[in-house]
N, C-alpha and C. Protein backbone atom coordinates (compact mmCIF):
# COMPACT_ATOMS: atom_id res chain seq x y z
N MET A 1 -2.31 -14.60 10.54
CA MET A 1 -2.64 -14.13 9.56
C MET A 1 -3.67 -12.95 9.76
N ALA A 2 -3.21 -11.82 9.14
CA ALA A 2 -4.15 -10.40 9.25
C ALA A 2 -5.25 -10.73 8.20
N GLU A 3 -6.38 -10.35 8.50
CA GLU A 3 -7.71 -10.03 7.92
C GLU A 3 -7.90 -8.82 7.00
N ILE A 4 -7.92 -8.79 5.85
CA ILE A 4 -7.79 -7.47 5.01
C ILE A 4 -9.45 -7.11 5.18
N VAL A 5 -10.08 -6.19 5.88
CA VAL A 5 -11.42 -5.79 6.16
C VAL A 5 -11.81 -4.91 5.05
N LEU A 6 -10.59 -4.07 4.54
CA LEU A 6 -11.11 -3.29 3.54
C LEU A 6 -9.96 -2.88 2.49
N CYS A 7 -10.27 -3.08 1.29
CA CYS A 7 -9.08 -2.53 0.52
C CYS A 7 -9.45 -1.29 -0.27
N ARG A 8 -8.88 -0.25 -0.36
CA ARG A 8 -9.35 1.02 -0.63
C ARG A 8 -8.18 1.85 -1.36
N ILE A 9 -8.81 2.24 -2.66
CA ILE A 9 -8.08 3.08 -3.57
C ILE A 9 -8.26 4.43 -3.53
N ASP A 10 -7.19 5.18 -2.90
CA ASP A 10 -7.37 6.65 -2.69
C ASP A 10 -6.11 7.39 -2.88
N SER A 11 -6.00 8.18 -3.89
CA SER A 11 -4.62 8.65 -4.16
C SER A 11 -4.40 9.69 -3.10
N ARG A 12 -5.28 10.24 -2.04
CA ARG A 12 -4.75 10.77 -0.78
C ARG A 12 -4.52 10.09 0.35
N LEU A 13 -4.34 8.80 0.15
CA LEU A 13 -3.97 7.91 1.11
C LEU A 13 -4.56 8.08 2.76
N ILE A 14 -3.69 8.37 3.60
CA ILE A 14 -4.26 8.59 4.91
C ILE A 14 -4.71 10.08 5.00
N HIS A 15 -5.79 10.23 5.36
CA HIS A 15 -6.29 11.80 5.45
C HIS A 15 -7.35 11.84 6.37
N GLY A 16 -7.27 12.76 7.39
CA GLY A 16 -8.11 13.01 8.32
C GLY A 16 -9.32 12.29 8.72
N GLN A 17 -10.52 12.99 8.53
CA GLN A 17 -11.75 12.34 9.02
C GLN A 17 -12.38 11.30 7.96
N VAL A 18 -11.99 11.14 6.87
CA VAL A 18 -12.33 10.24 5.89
C VAL A 18 -11.75 8.92 6.51
N MET A 19 -10.36 9.00 6.69
CA MET A 19 -9.83 7.73 6.96
C MET A 19 -10.32 7.17 8.54
N THR A 20 -10.58 8.20 9.32
CA THR A 20 -10.91 7.81 10.46
C THR A 20 -12.25 7.05 10.32
N LYS A 21 -13.14 7.65 9.70
CA LYS A 21 -14.60 7.17 9.54
C LYS A 21 -14.70 5.57 8.96
N TRP A 22 -13.23 5.45 8.06
CA TRP A 22 -13.17 4.12 7.40
C TRP A 22 -12.70 3.09 8.25
N VAL A 23 -11.77 3.60 9.14
CA VAL A 23 -11.29 2.75 10.26
C VAL A 23 -12.05 2.16 11.13
N ASN A 24 -13.09 3.05 11.57
CA ASN A 24 -14.24 2.76 12.52
C ASN A 24 -15.10 1.83 11.58
N GLN A 25 -15.61 2.21 10.62
CA GLN A 25 -16.61 1.48 9.96
C GLN A 25 -16.10 0.06 9.65
N SER A 26 -15.00 -0.05 9.13
CA SER A 26 -14.36 -1.49 9.00
C SER A 26 -13.74 -2.41 10.26
N GLN A 27 -13.64 -1.73 11.39
CA GLN A 27 -13.04 -1.87 12.81
C GLN A 27 -11.57 -2.45 12.45
N ALA A 28 -10.90 -1.74 11.57
CA ALA A 28 -9.45 -1.90 11.32
C ALA A 28 -8.81 -1.40 12.50
N ASN A 29 -7.77 -2.28 12.76
CA ASN A 29 -6.78 -1.81 13.87
C ASN A 29 -5.30 -1.62 13.45
N LYS A 30 -5.41 -1.85 11.78
CA LYS A 30 -4.01 -1.56 11.18
C LYS A 30 -4.30 -1.16 9.78
N ILE A 31 -3.34 -0.10 9.10
CA ILE A 31 -3.39 0.28 7.97
C ILE A 31 -2.18 0.03 7.36
N VAL A 32 -2.23 -0.67 6.16
CA VAL A 32 -1.29 -1.09 5.48
C VAL A 32 -1.16 -0.26 4.21
N VAL A 33 -0.29 0.73 4.01
CA VAL A 33 -0.12 1.45 2.96
C VAL A 33 0.71 0.92 1.73
N VAL A 34 0.44 0.89 0.61
CA VAL A 34 1.34 0.38 -0.35
C VAL A 34 1.34 1.55 -1.39
N SER A 35 2.87 1.97 -1.38
CA SER A 35 2.97 3.09 -2.10
C SER A 35 4.55 3.16 -2.41
N ASP A 36 4.93 3.00 -3.49
CA ASP A 36 6.41 3.01 -3.98
C ASP A 36 7.10 4.36 -3.48
N GLU A 37 6.15 5.32 -4.01
CA GLU A 37 6.60 6.72 -3.66
C GLU A 37 6.55 7.39 -2.24
N LEU A 38 5.64 6.97 -1.65
CA LEU A 38 5.79 7.25 -0.12
C LEU A 38 6.55 6.54 0.89
N ALA A 39 6.88 5.15 0.41
CA ALA A 39 7.76 4.29 1.09
C ALA A 39 9.26 4.88 0.92
N ALA A 40 9.70 5.66 -0.39
CA ALA A 40 10.67 6.34 -0.70
C ALA A 40 10.96 7.61 -0.03
N ASP A 41 9.67 8.20 0.55
CA ASP A 41 9.90 9.47 1.21
C ASP A 41 10.16 9.63 2.37
N GLU A 42 11.04 9.45 3.32
CA GLU A 42 10.82 9.42 4.64
C GLU A 42 10.10 10.79 5.33
N PHE A 43 10.39 11.84 4.85
CA PHE A 43 9.62 12.89 5.49
C PHE A 43 8.14 12.82 5.17
N MET A 44 7.79 12.76 3.92
CA MET A 44 6.27 12.45 3.58
C MET A 44 5.80 11.24 4.48
N LEU A 45 6.45 10.22 4.52
CA LEU A 45 5.80 9.06 5.51
C LEU A 45 5.68 9.47 6.67
N GLU A 46 6.68 10.20 7.65
CA GLU A 46 6.21 10.73 8.96
C GLU A 46 5.02 11.60 8.92
N ILE A 47 4.73 12.33 8.01
CA ILE A 47 3.58 13.32 8.06
C ILE A 47 2.28 12.53 7.90
N TYR A 48 2.18 11.38 7.01
CA TYR A 48 0.94 10.36 6.96
C TYR A 48 1.02 9.64 8.12
N LEU A 49 2.02 9.09 8.81
CA LEU A 49 2.08 8.49 9.92
C LEU A 49 1.43 9.15 11.00
N LEU A 50 1.64 10.61 11.19
CA LEU A 50 0.94 11.42 12.02
C LEU A 50 -0.53 11.51 11.84
N ALA A 51 -0.88 11.43 10.60
CA ALA A 51 -2.15 11.66 10.38
C ALA A 51 -3.21 10.40 10.53
N ALA A 52 -2.52 9.14 10.79
CA ALA A 52 -3.22 8.25 11.14
C ALA A 52 -4.26 8.44 12.59
N PRO A 53 -5.39 7.44 12.52
CA PRO A 53 -6.19 7.62 13.74
C PRO A 53 -5.37 7.13 14.79
N ALA A 54 -5.62 7.65 15.95
CA ALA A 54 -4.80 7.36 17.25
C ALA A 54 -5.27 5.57 17.52
N GLY A 55 -4.14 4.92 17.95
CA GLY A 55 -4.51 3.62 18.41
C GLY A 55 -4.54 2.61 17.11
N VAL A 56 -4.17 3.13 16.11
CA VAL A 56 -4.21 2.30 14.61
C VAL A 56 -2.69 2.04 14.26
N LYS A 57 -2.39 1.08 14.11
CA LYS A 57 -0.84 0.76 13.58
C LYS A 57 -0.89 0.95 12.26
N VAL A 58 0.18 1.66 11.73
CA VAL A 58 0.47 2.00 10.33
C VAL A 58 1.66 1.36 9.86
N GLU A 59 1.58 0.70 8.60
CA GLU A 59 2.87 0.07 8.10
C GLU A 59 2.81 0.65 6.60
N CYS A 60 3.99 0.98 5.97
CA CYS A 60 3.95 1.47 4.76
C CYS A 60 5.00 0.63 3.96
N TYR A 61 4.64 0.03 2.75
CA TYR A 61 5.47 -0.75 2.05
C TYR A 61 5.75 -0.20 0.46
N SER A 62 6.74 -0.71 -0.07
CA SER A 62 6.71 -0.34 -1.73
C SER A 62 5.86 -1.53 -1.97
N GLN A 63 5.48 -1.51 -3.20
CA GLN A 63 4.82 -2.71 -3.94
C GLN A 63 5.61 -4.16 -3.66
N ALA A 64 6.83 -4.13 -4.19
CA ALA A 64 7.61 -5.23 -3.98
C ALA A 64 7.60 -5.70 -2.44
N ASP A 65 7.56 -4.63 -1.53
CA ASP A 65 7.88 -5.25 -0.05
C ASP A 65 6.61 -5.66 0.30
N ALA A 66 5.42 -5.07 -0.05
CA ALA A 66 3.91 -5.38 0.47
C ALA A 66 3.70 -6.91 0.11
N VAL A 67 3.95 -7.39 -1.31
CA VAL A 67 3.73 -8.57 -1.76
C VAL A 67 4.82 -9.55 -0.99
N ALA A 68 5.95 -9.29 -0.64
CA ALA A 68 6.88 -10.19 -0.03
C ALA A 68 6.34 -10.33 1.41
N HIS A 69 5.70 -9.36 2.21
CA HIS A 69 5.29 -9.42 3.60
C HIS A 69 4.13 -10.30 3.45
N TRP A 70 3.18 -9.98 2.27
CA TRP A 70 1.96 -10.51 2.27
C TRP A 70 2.22 -12.35 2.08
N LYS A 71 3.19 -12.71 1.15
CA LYS A 71 3.69 -13.85 1.03
C LYS A 71 4.22 -14.81 2.38
N GLU A 72 4.86 -13.64 3.16
CA GLU A 72 5.75 -14.23 4.28
C GLU A 72 4.92 -14.46 5.36
N GLU A 73 3.91 -13.51 5.88
CA GLU A 73 3.18 -13.68 6.98
C GLU A 73 1.60 -12.98 7.02
N GLN A 74 1.37 -12.61 5.70
CA GLN A 74 -0.12 -11.90 5.20
C GLN A 74 -0.06 -10.89 6.22
N PHE A 75 0.82 -9.86 6.09
CA PHE A 75 0.69 -8.82 7.14
C PHE A 75 0.71 -8.94 8.43
N GLY A 76 1.02 -10.13 9.20
CA GLY A 76 1.07 -10.41 10.50
C GLY A 76 -0.25 -10.48 11.17
N LYS A 77 -0.83 -9.72 12.22
CA LYS A 77 -1.89 -10.10 12.80
C LYS A 77 -2.92 -8.76 12.79
N GLY A 78 -4.22 -9.08 13.18
CA GLY A 78 -4.96 -7.77 13.05
C GLY A 78 -5.96 -7.78 11.78
N ARG A 79 -6.79 -6.72 11.75
CA ARG A 79 -7.78 -6.19 10.95
C ARG A 79 -7.21 -5.13 10.21
N VAL A 80 -6.88 -5.47 9.00
CA VAL A 80 -6.18 -4.75 7.94
C VAL A 80 -6.86 -3.59 6.96
N LEU A 81 -6.78 -2.39 7.02
CA LEU A 81 -7.39 -1.59 6.02
C LEU A 81 -6.06 -1.64 5.00
N LEU A 82 -6.20 -1.87 3.76
CA LEU A 82 -5.37 -1.93 2.62
C LEU A 82 -5.51 -0.82 1.97
N LEU A 83 -4.51 -0.02 1.65
CA LEU A 83 -4.82 1.41 1.18
C LEU A 83 -3.50 1.35 -0.13
N LEU A 84 -4.19 1.70 -1.30
CA LEU A 84 -3.25 1.98 -2.39
C LEU A 84 -3.75 3.35 -2.95
N PRO A 85 -2.70 4.27 -3.72
CA PRO A 85 -3.00 5.06 -4.18
C PRO A 85 -3.56 5.29 -5.72
N ASN A 86 -3.36 4.23 -6.40
CA ASN A 86 -4.06 3.94 -7.70
C ASN A 86 -4.31 2.66 -8.02
N LEU A 87 -5.20 2.50 -9.21
CA LEU A 87 -5.54 0.99 -9.62
C LEU A 87 -4.35 0.36 -10.38
N GLU A 88 -3.45 1.03 -10.92
CA GLU A 88 -1.98 0.57 -11.49
C GLU A 88 -1.48 -0.41 -10.33
N SER A 89 -1.42 0.26 -9.10
CA SER A 89 -0.78 -0.42 -8.15
C SER A 89 -1.47 -1.57 -7.67
N MET A 90 -2.81 -1.38 -7.57
CA MET A 90 -3.40 -2.53 -7.16
C MET A 90 -3.28 -3.71 -8.12
N LYS A 91 -3.47 -3.50 -9.48
CA LYS A 91 -3.04 -4.50 -10.70
C LYS A 91 -1.92 -5.44 -10.11
N LYS A 92 -0.89 -4.69 -9.92
CA LYS A 92 0.40 -5.07 -9.76
C LYS A 92 0.29 -5.95 -8.41
N VAL A 93 -0.24 -5.53 -7.33
CA VAL A 93 0.08 -6.21 -6.16
C VAL A 93 -1.03 -7.54 -6.32
N TYR A 94 -2.07 -7.25 -6.90
CA TYR A 94 -3.09 -8.41 -7.27
C TYR A 94 -2.40 -9.55 -7.77
N ASP A 95 -1.69 -9.18 -9.22
CA ASP A 95 -1.18 -10.07 -9.81
C ASP A 95 -0.07 -10.86 -9.32
N GLU A 96 0.56 -10.28 -8.29
CA GLU A 96 1.66 -10.98 -7.51
C GLU A 96 1.30 -11.51 -6.15
N GLY A 97 0.11 -11.78 -5.89
CA GLY A 97 -0.33 -12.70 -4.80
C GLY A 97 -1.20 -11.67 -3.72
N ILE A 98 -1.30 -10.60 -3.85
CA ILE A 98 -2.44 -9.96 -2.98
C ILE A 98 -3.69 -10.07 -3.46
N GLN A 99 -4.39 -11.11 -3.45
CA GLN A 99 -5.82 -11.43 -4.12
C GLN A 99 -7.05 -11.04 -3.12
N VAL A 100 -7.37 -9.75 -3.26
CA VAL A 100 -8.68 -9.48 -2.45
C VAL A 100 -9.81 -9.72 -2.87
N GLU A 101 -10.99 -10.01 -2.14
CA GLU A 101 -12.10 -10.21 -2.88
C GLU A 101 -13.03 -9.13 -3.38
N GLY A 102 -12.48 -7.91 -2.57
CA GLY A 102 -13.45 -6.63 -2.99
C GLY A 102 -12.38 -5.34 -3.03
N ILE A 103 -12.81 -4.44 -3.73
CA ILE A 103 -11.80 -3.20 -3.79
C ILE A 103 -13.02 -1.98 -3.69
N GLN A 104 -12.70 -0.95 -2.83
CA GLN A 104 -13.28 0.02 -2.84
C GLN A 104 -12.56 1.51 -3.57
N ILE A 105 -13.28 1.97 -4.50
CA ILE A 105 -12.57 3.12 -5.05
C ILE A 105 -13.11 4.57 -4.41
N GLY A 106 -12.20 5.13 -3.47
CA GLY A 106 -12.47 6.24 -2.83
C GLY A 106 -12.13 7.42 -3.08
N GLY A 107 -11.12 7.60 -3.82
CA GLY A 107 -10.85 9.05 -4.34
C GLY A 107 -9.57 8.77 -5.32
N LEU A 108 -9.79 9.07 -6.62
CA LEU A 108 -8.71 9.26 -7.67
C LEU A 108 -8.93 10.79 -8.10
N GLY A 109 -7.91 11.33 -7.86
CA GLY A 109 -7.90 12.91 -8.45
C GLY A 109 -7.92 13.18 -9.86
N GLY A 110 -8.10 14.46 -10.14
CA GLY A 110 -8.40 14.86 -11.49
C GLY A 110 -7.00 15.02 -11.90
N ALA A 111 -6.82 15.11 -13.51
CA ALA A 111 -5.85 15.37 -14.25
C ALA A 111 -6.34 15.43 -15.86
N PRO A 112 -5.48 15.92 -16.51
CA PRO A 112 -5.79 15.90 -18.01
C PRO A 112 -6.06 14.50 -18.56
N ASN A 113 -7.09 14.36 -19.45
CA ASN A 113 -7.81 13.02 -19.78
C ASN A 113 -8.39 12.18 -18.88
N ARG A 114 -8.70 12.90 -17.72
CA ARG A 114 -9.65 11.95 -16.74
C ARG A 114 -10.74 12.60 -16.69
N LYS A 115 -11.76 11.84 -16.39
CA LYS A 115 -13.30 11.96 -16.16
C LYS A 115 -13.85 11.75 -15.16
N VAL A 116 -14.59 12.79 -14.37
CA VAL A 116 -15.45 12.63 -13.35
C VAL A 116 -16.54 11.59 -13.24
N VAL A 117 -16.26 10.80 -12.33
CA VAL A 117 -17.66 9.65 -12.30
C VAL A 117 -18.49 9.66 -11.23
N PHE A 118 -17.71 10.07 -10.22
CA PHE A 118 -18.50 10.23 -8.83
C PHE A 118 -17.85 11.14 -7.86
N GLN A 119 -18.42 12.18 -7.53
CA GLN A 119 -17.95 13.17 -6.54
C GLN A 119 -16.50 13.61 -7.02
N ASN A 120 -15.31 12.89 -5.93
CA ASN A 120 -13.89 13.31 -6.19
C ASN A 120 -13.34 12.08 -7.13
N ILE A 121 -13.97 11.20 -7.83
CA ILE A 121 -13.27 10.12 -8.35
C ILE A 121 -13.32 10.43 -9.88
N THR A 122 -11.99 10.42 -10.44
CA THR A 122 -11.99 10.52 -11.82
C THR A 122 -11.48 9.07 -12.33
N LEU A 123 -11.64 8.80 -13.44
CA LEU A 123 -11.09 7.78 -14.28
C LEU A 123 -10.51 8.17 -15.61
N ASP A 124 -9.49 7.41 -15.95
CA ASP A 124 -9.08 7.50 -17.65
C ASP A 124 -9.17 6.14 -18.24
N ASP A 125 -8.65 5.83 -19.38
CA ASP A 125 -8.92 4.74 -20.20
C ASP A 125 -8.05 3.55 -19.40
N ALA A 126 -6.82 3.91 -18.92
CA ALA A 126 -5.81 2.82 -18.32
C ALA A 126 -6.93 2.39 -16.98
N ASP A 127 -7.15 3.25 -16.20
CA ASP A 127 -8.08 2.74 -14.96
C ASP A 127 -9.07 2.00 -15.23
N VAL A 128 -9.98 2.13 -16.34
CA VAL A 128 -11.05 1.15 -16.90
C VAL A 128 -10.64 0.02 -17.46
N GLU A 129 -9.30 0.00 -18.05
CA GLU A 129 -8.98 -1.39 -18.50
C GLU A 129 -8.50 -2.26 -16.86
N VAL A 130 -7.93 -1.65 -16.17
CA VAL A 130 -7.78 -2.32 -15.01
C VAL A 130 -9.05 -2.68 -14.20
N LEU A 131 -10.02 -1.88 -14.16
CA LEU A 131 -11.19 -2.21 -13.31
C LEU A 131 -11.97 -3.46 -14.15
N ASN A 132 -11.94 -3.32 -15.43
CA ASN A 132 -12.54 -4.52 -16.33
C ASN A 132 -11.56 -5.65 -16.04
N TYR A 133 -10.27 -5.88 -15.86
CA TYR A 133 -9.45 -6.86 -15.73
C TYR A 133 -9.80 -7.36 -14.19
N LEU A 134 -9.95 -6.56 -13.46
CA LEU A 134 -10.03 -6.91 -11.90
C LEU A 134 -11.53 -7.57 -11.70
N LYS A 135 -12.55 -7.08 -12.40
CA LYS A 135 -13.90 -7.58 -12.41
C LYS A 135 -13.85 -9.04 -12.90
N GLY A 136 -13.17 -9.15 -14.14
CA GLY A 136 -13.06 -10.46 -14.96
C GLY A 136 -12.21 -11.42 -13.98
N LYS A 137 -11.70 -11.01 -12.63
CA LYS A 137 -11.04 -12.05 -11.93
C LYS A 137 -12.10 -12.19 -10.72
N GLY A 138 -13.23 -11.60 -10.84
CA GLY A 138 -13.92 -11.98 -9.92
C GLY A 138 -14.01 -10.78 -8.60
N VAL A 139 -13.39 -10.01 -8.74
CA VAL A 139 -13.24 -8.75 -7.45
C VAL A 139 -14.39 -8.06 -7.67
N ASN A 140 -15.33 -7.90 -6.63
CA ASN A 140 -16.19 -6.93 -6.47
C ASN A 140 -15.59 -5.71 -6.11
N ILE A 141 -16.18 -4.61 -7.07
CA ILE A 141 -15.72 -3.44 -7.02
C ILE A 141 -16.82 -2.23 -6.74
N ILE A 142 -16.76 -1.36 -5.77
CA ILE A 142 -17.60 -0.51 -5.63
C ILE A 142 -16.89 0.98 -5.41
N PHE A 143 -17.64 2.02 -5.55
CA PHE A 143 -17.24 3.36 -5.61
C PHE A 143 -17.93 3.97 -4.30
N GLN A 144 -17.03 4.45 -3.55
CA GLN A 144 -17.70 5.12 -2.27
C GLN A 144 -16.68 6.20 -1.54
N THR A 145 -17.13 7.24 -1.58
CA THR A 145 -16.09 8.29 -0.75
C THR A 145 -16.01 8.13 0.70
N ILE A 146 -17.41 8.17 1.44
CA ILE A 146 -17.33 8.12 2.64
C ILE A 146 -18.46 7.14 3.11
N PRO A 147 -18.34 6.71 4.34
CA PRO A 147 -19.52 5.56 4.70
C PRO A 147 -20.83 5.96 4.45
N GLU A 148 -21.08 7.30 4.67
CA GLU A 148 -22.53 7.90 4.52
C GLU A 148 -22.99 7.84 2.94
N ASP A 149 -22.09 7.77 2.16
CA ASP A 149 -22.69 7.60 0.62
C ASP A 149 -23.03 6.31 0.40
N ILE A 150 -24.05 6.21 -0.53
CA ILE A 150 -24.51 5.04 -1.28
C ILE A 150 -23.44 4.34 -2.14
N PRO A 151 -22.93 3.12 -1.68
CA PRO A 151 -21.99 2.60 -2.74
C PRO A 151 -22.46 2.48 -4.24
N GLN A 152 -21.62 3.02 -5.04
CA GLN A 152 -22.00 2.96 -6.49
C GLN A 152 -21.33 1.69 -7.22
N SER A 153 -21.97 1.06 -8.09
CA SER A 153 -21.68 0.01 -8.65
C SER A 153 -20.53 0.26 -9.78
N LEU A 154 -19.62 -0.58 -10.01
CA LEU A 154 -18.73 -0.45 -11.29
C LEU A 154 -19.47 -0.27 -12.42
N GLU A 155 -20.54 -1.07 -12.84
CA GLU A 155 -21.24 -0.80 -14.13
C GLU A 155 -21.84 0.73 -14.02
N ALA A 156 -22.47 1.10 -13.03
CA ALA A 156 -22.95 2.69 -13.16
C ALA A 156 -21.52 3.38 -13.29
N MET A 157 -20.66 3.31 -12.70
CA MET A 157 -19.54 4.27 -13.09
C MET A 157 -19.11 4.17 -14.33
N LEU A 158 -18.89 2.80 -14.90
CA LEU A 158 -18.46 2.82 -16.35
C LEU A 158 -19.52 3.25 -17.33
N LYS A 159 -20.79 3.21 -16.95
CA LYS A 159 -21.80 3.85 -17.83
C LYS A 159 -21.51 5.49 -18.02
N LYS A 160 -21.31 5.77 -16.68
CA LYS A 160 -20.95 7.38 -16.48
C LYS A 160 -19.66 7.75 -17.40
N TYR A 161 -18.69 7.13 -17.15
CA TYR A 161 -17.47 7.21 -18.13
C TYR A 161 -17.67 7.34 -19.51
N ASN A 162 -18.47 6.34 -19.96
CA ASN A 162 -18.49 6.09 -21.53
C ASN A 162 -19.60 6.93 -22.24
N SER A 163 -20.31 7.77 -21.29
CA SER A 163 -21.26 8.74 -21.85
C SER A 163 -20.94 10.15 -22.38
């Protein structure tokens, strides 16, 4: 059974230095990406696989396949950095059985009706609803872009969002 050492929400998924830093920080030896969009796009998937840090195994699943693999073998062996592009995906896989203890919000890009709460992290009302839902389930949620940043609490980010 694999151990999920970090569950990160980042719309950029695997990206250069930031991902290398988190792999090193968490001592992960496997990245499991859960993205319906990426799993269905062979060309983009190849690009993301090439962007992974050397020596780190990468697996990419749709939400449904990720849940099936989790229920079947808990992602096999190793120390897993679980990576999802958005909070909606996190809620779906959480409700279907991938129940993590903590989530790190690392990057949610801008768009209309989204509000910046910390560096490159933006939220909208749907995100806030999911965050409150997961918090209610006992999930510890922090906001942290890179390891050098001081982790920001959910409460502080919700205060910023509501101000």
